[in-house]
Protein backbone atom coordinates (compact mmCIF):
# COMPACT_ATOMS: atom_id res chain seq x y z
CA UNK A 1 0.00 0.00 0.00
CA UNK A 2 2.75 2.45 0.92
CA UNK A 3 4.54 1.62 -2.35
CA UNK A 4 1.35 2.53 -4.32
CA UNK A 5 0.92 5.71 -2.29
CA UNK A 6 4.57 6.63 -2.91
CA UNK A 7 4.14 6.04 -6.65
CA UNK A 8 1.02 8.23 -6.71
CA UNK A 9 2.85 11.04 -4.86
CA UNK A 10 5.75 10.79 -7.32
CA UNK A 11 3.32 10.90 -10.26
CA UNK A 12 1.52 13.93 -8.77
CA UNK A 13 4.84 15.77 -8.27
CA UNK A 14 5.89 14.99 -11.86
CA UNK A 15 2.63 16.41 -13.23
CA UNK A 16 2.93 19.50 -11.00
CA UNK A 17 6.52 20.18 -12.14
CA UNK A 18 5.62 19.59 -15.80
CA UNK A 19 2.61 21.93 -15.64
CA UNK A 20 4.56 24.75 -13.96
CA UNK A 21 7.31 24.41 -16.61
CA UNK A 22 4.62 24.62 -19.31
CA UNK A 23 3.18 27.78 -17.72
CA UNK A 24 6.53 29.57 -17.76
CA UNK A 25 7.11 28.65 -21.44
CA UNK A 26 3.61 29.91 -22.33
CA UNK A 27 4.29 33.13 -20.40
CA UNK A 28 7.53 33.74 -22.31
CA UNK A 29 5.75 33.18 -25.59
CA UNK A 30 2.92 35.57 -24.64
CA UNK A 31 5.38 38.46 -24.36
CA UNK A 32 6.71 37.79 -27.87
CA UNK A 33 3.31 37.64 -29.55
CA UNK A 34 2.41 40.38 -32.00
CA UNK A 35 -0.39 42.90 -31.40
CA UNK A 36 -1.34 42.47 -35.07
CA UNK A 37 -3.78 40.04 -36.65
CA UNK A 38 -4.18 39.46 -40.38
CA UNK A 39 -7.15 38.32 -42.46
CA UNK A 40 -8.03 38.14 -46.14
CA UNK A 41 -11.49 38.49 -47.62
CA UNK A 42 -12.41 37.99 -51.27
CA UNK A 43 -15.82 39.21 -52.45
CA UNK A 44 -18.56 36.66 -51.77
CA UNK A 45 -19.42 35.90 -55.40
CA UNK A 46 -17.04 33.89 -57.59
CA UNK A 47 -15.30 36.24 -60.02
CA UNK A 48 -15.53 36.04 -63.77
CA UNK A 49 -12.40 35.96 -65.90
CA UNK A 50 -13.29 39.35 -67.39
CA UNK A 51 -13.82 40.91 -63.92
CA UNK A 52 -10.36 39.82 -62.77
CA UNK A 53 -8.54 40.81 -65.94
CA UNK A 54 -10.24 44.25 -66.01
CA UNK A 55 -9.41 44.92 -62.35
CA UNK A 56 -13.00 44.84 -61.06
CA UNK A 57 -12.30 42.00 -58.60
CA UNK A 58 -10.25 42.64 -55.47
CA UNK A 59 -9.19 40.66 -52.43
CA UNK A 60 -8.97 42.67 -49.19
CA UNK A 61 -6.06 41.92 -46.87
CA UNK A 62 -6.54 43.43 -43.41
CA UNK A 63 -4.08 44.06 -40.60
CA UNK A 64 -5.73 44.84 -37.26
CA UNK A 65 -4.06 46.29 -34.19
CA UNK A 66 -5.42 44.15 -31.34
CA UNK A 67 -3.00 45.67 -28.81
CA UNK A 68 -3.54 48.51 -26.36
CA UNK A 69 -0.96 50.87 -27.85
CA UNK A 70 -0.47 52.55 -31.22
CA UNK A 71 1.32 50.24 -33.66
CA UNK A 72 3.54 51.20 -36.59
CA UNK A 73 3.27 48.70 -39.45
CA UNK A 74 5.11 47.77 -42.64
CA UNK A 75 2.90 48.94 -45.53
CA UNK A 76 3.68 46.20 -48.07
CA UNK A 77 2.30 42.78 -48.93
CA UNK A 78 3.81 40.40 -51.48
CA UNK A 79 1.46 38.45 -53.75
CA UNK A 80 1.96 35.36 -55.85
CA UNK A 81 -0.75 33.86 -58.09
CA UNK A 82 -0.75 30.10 -58.65
CA UNK A 83 -2.71 28.09 -61.21
CA UNK A 84 -4.58 24.82 -60.58
CA UNK A 85 -1.26 22.89 -60.75
CA UNK A 86 0.30 25.20 -58.12
CA UNK A 87 2.54 26.78 -60.77
CA UNK A 88 3.11 30.56 -60.71
CA UNK A 89 1.01 32.54 -63.18
CA UNK A 90 3.33 34.67 -65.29
CA UNK A 91 3.18 38.38 -64.57
CA UNK A 92 2.18 40.74 -67.35
CA UNK A 93 3.77 43.67 -65.52
CA UNK A 94 6.85 43.55 -63.29
CA UNK A 95 8.19 47.09 -62.87
CA UNK A 96 10.78 48.05 -60.28
CA UNK A 97 9.47 50.36 -57.57
CA UNK A 98 12.56 52.28 -56.44
CA UNK A 99 14.01 53.92 -59.57
CA UNK A 100 13.97 57.54 -58.39
CA UNK A 101 14.11 58.51 -54.72
CA UNK A 102 14.44 61.89 -53.00
CA UNK A 103 15.89 60.67 -49.68
CA UNK A 104 19.40 59.32 -49.02
CA UNK A 105 17.95 55.78 -48.71
CA UNK A 106 14.96 53.75 -49.85
CA UNK A 107 14.13 53.03 -46.20
CA UNK A 108 13.44 56.72 -45.58
CA UNK A 109 11.05 56.82 -48.56
CA UNK A 110 8.82 54.05 -47.17
CA UNK A 111 5.62 55.38 -45.60
CA UNK A 112 4.98 53.13 -42.63
CA UNK A 113 1.35 53.07 -41.40
CA UNK A 114 0.33 54.10 -37.87
CA UNK A 115 -2.57 52.10 -36.42
CA UNK A 116 -4.45 53.09 -33.27
CA UNK A 117 -5.65 50.27 -30.97
CA UNK A 118 -8.61 48.44 -32.52
CA UNK A 119 -8.05 50.00 -35.95
CA UNK A 120 -7.48 48.13 -39.23
CA UNK A 121 -5.34 48.87 -42.28
CA UNK A 122 -6.56 47.30 -45.52
CA UNK A 123 -4.50 46.49 -48.61
CA UNK A 124 -6.54 45.88 -51.77
CA UNK A 125 -5.15 43.16 -54.03
CA UNK A 126 -6.07 43.90 -57.64
CA UNK A 127 -4.49 41.48 -60.13
CA UNK A 128 -4.73 43.94 -63.02
CA UNK A 129 -2.44 46.41 -61.26
CA UNK A 130 -0.96 45.59 -57.87
CA UNK A 131 0.81 48.52 -56.21
CA UNK A 132 1.55 47.24 -52.68
CA UNK A 133 4.63 45.04 -53.15
CA UNK A 134 7.83 46.42 -51.60
CA UNK A 135 9.88 45.93 -54.77
CA UNK A 136 7.58 45.72 -57.79
CA UNK A 137 4.47 47.08 -59.42
CA UNK A 138 2.88 43.92 -60.76
CA UNK A 139 -0.01 42.62 -62.85
CA UNK A 140 -1.35 39.22 -63.86
CA UNK A 141 -3.72 38.27 -66.68
CA UNK A 142 -5.48 34.95 -66.24
CA UNK A 143 -5.70 32.98 -69.48
CA UNK A 144 -8.78 30.87 -68.69
CA UNK A 145 -11.40 30.10 -66.06
CA UNK A 146 -10.43 27.62 -63.33
CA UNK A 147 -9.05 27.32 -59.82
CA UNK A 148 -6.33 29.78 -58.83
CA UNK A 149 -4.70 30.63 -55.53
CA UNK A 150 -3.56 34.07 -54.45
CA UNK A 151 -0.77 33.67 -51.89
CA UNK A 152 -0.62 36.81 -49.74
CA UNK A 153 2.58 37.16 -47.71
CA UNK A 154 2.95 39.88 -45.08
CA UNK A 155 6.53 39.81 -43.83
CA UNK A 156 8.40 42.39 -41.81
CA UNK A 157 11.86 41.28 -40.67
CA UNK A 158 13.63 44.36 -39.30
CA UNK A 159 17.21 43.23 -39.88
CA UNK A 160 16.52 42.14 -43.48
CA UNK A 161 14.58 45.31 -44.29
CA UNK A 162 17.32 47.57 -42.89
CA UNK A 163 19.96 45.66 -44.83
CA UNK A 164 17.99 45.65 -48.10
CA UNK A 165 16.67 49.25 -48.07
CA UNK A 166 18.87 51.10 -45.57
CA UNK A 167 21.98 51.90 -47.62
CA UNK A 168 22.71 55.61 -47.13
CA UNK A 169 20.40 56.02 -44.13
CA UNK A 170 22.15 58.07 -41.42
CA UNK A 171 19.59 57.28 -38.69
CA UNK A 172 19.16 53.57 -39.39
CA UNK A 173 19.42 52.59 -35.69
CA UNK A 174 17.40 55.51 -34.28
CA UNK A 175 14.76 53.87 -32.03
CA UNK A 176 12.23 56.58 -32.94
CA UNK A 177 12.25 55.72 -36.65
CA UNK A 178 9.22 53.70 -37.80
CA UNK A 179 11.25 50.73 -39.05
CA UNK A 180 12.62 50.30 -35.51
CA UNK A 181 9.14 50.52 -33.96
CA UNK A 182 7.18 48.20 -36.26
CA UNK A 183 6.59 44.71 -34.82
CA UNK A 184 8.11 41.85 -36.77
CA UNK A 185 5.54 39.57 -38.35
CA UNK A 186 5.54 36.78 -40.94
CA UNK A 187 2.06 35.67 -42.08
CA UNK A 188 0.92 33.88 -45.23
CA UNK A 189 -2.70 33.54 -46.29
CA UNK A 190 -3.84 31.56 -49.32
CA UNK A 191 -7.07 32.71 -50.99
CA UNK A 192 -8.77 30.29 -53.38
CA UNK A 193 -10.16 31.96 -56.50
CA UNK A 194 -12.74 29.93 -58.41
CA UNK A 195 -12.80 31.87 -61.66
CA UNK A 196 -15.86 31.43 -63.91
Foldseek 3Di string as FASTA:
>chain_A
DVVVVVVVVVVVVVVVVVVVVVVVVVVVVVVQDAQKDKDKAWDPDFAALVCQQVQVTKIKIKIARQDQAKAWAQQAKDKFKAAPVRHTADWPFWAFDPPDDDDQWQLVVGDIDIGHHGDMDIQIDRQNWHDRHPTTTIHGRDDDFAKMKMKIWDFQDLVVCCVVIVVRPPPSPPCPDNSNRHRTDIDIDIDIHRYD
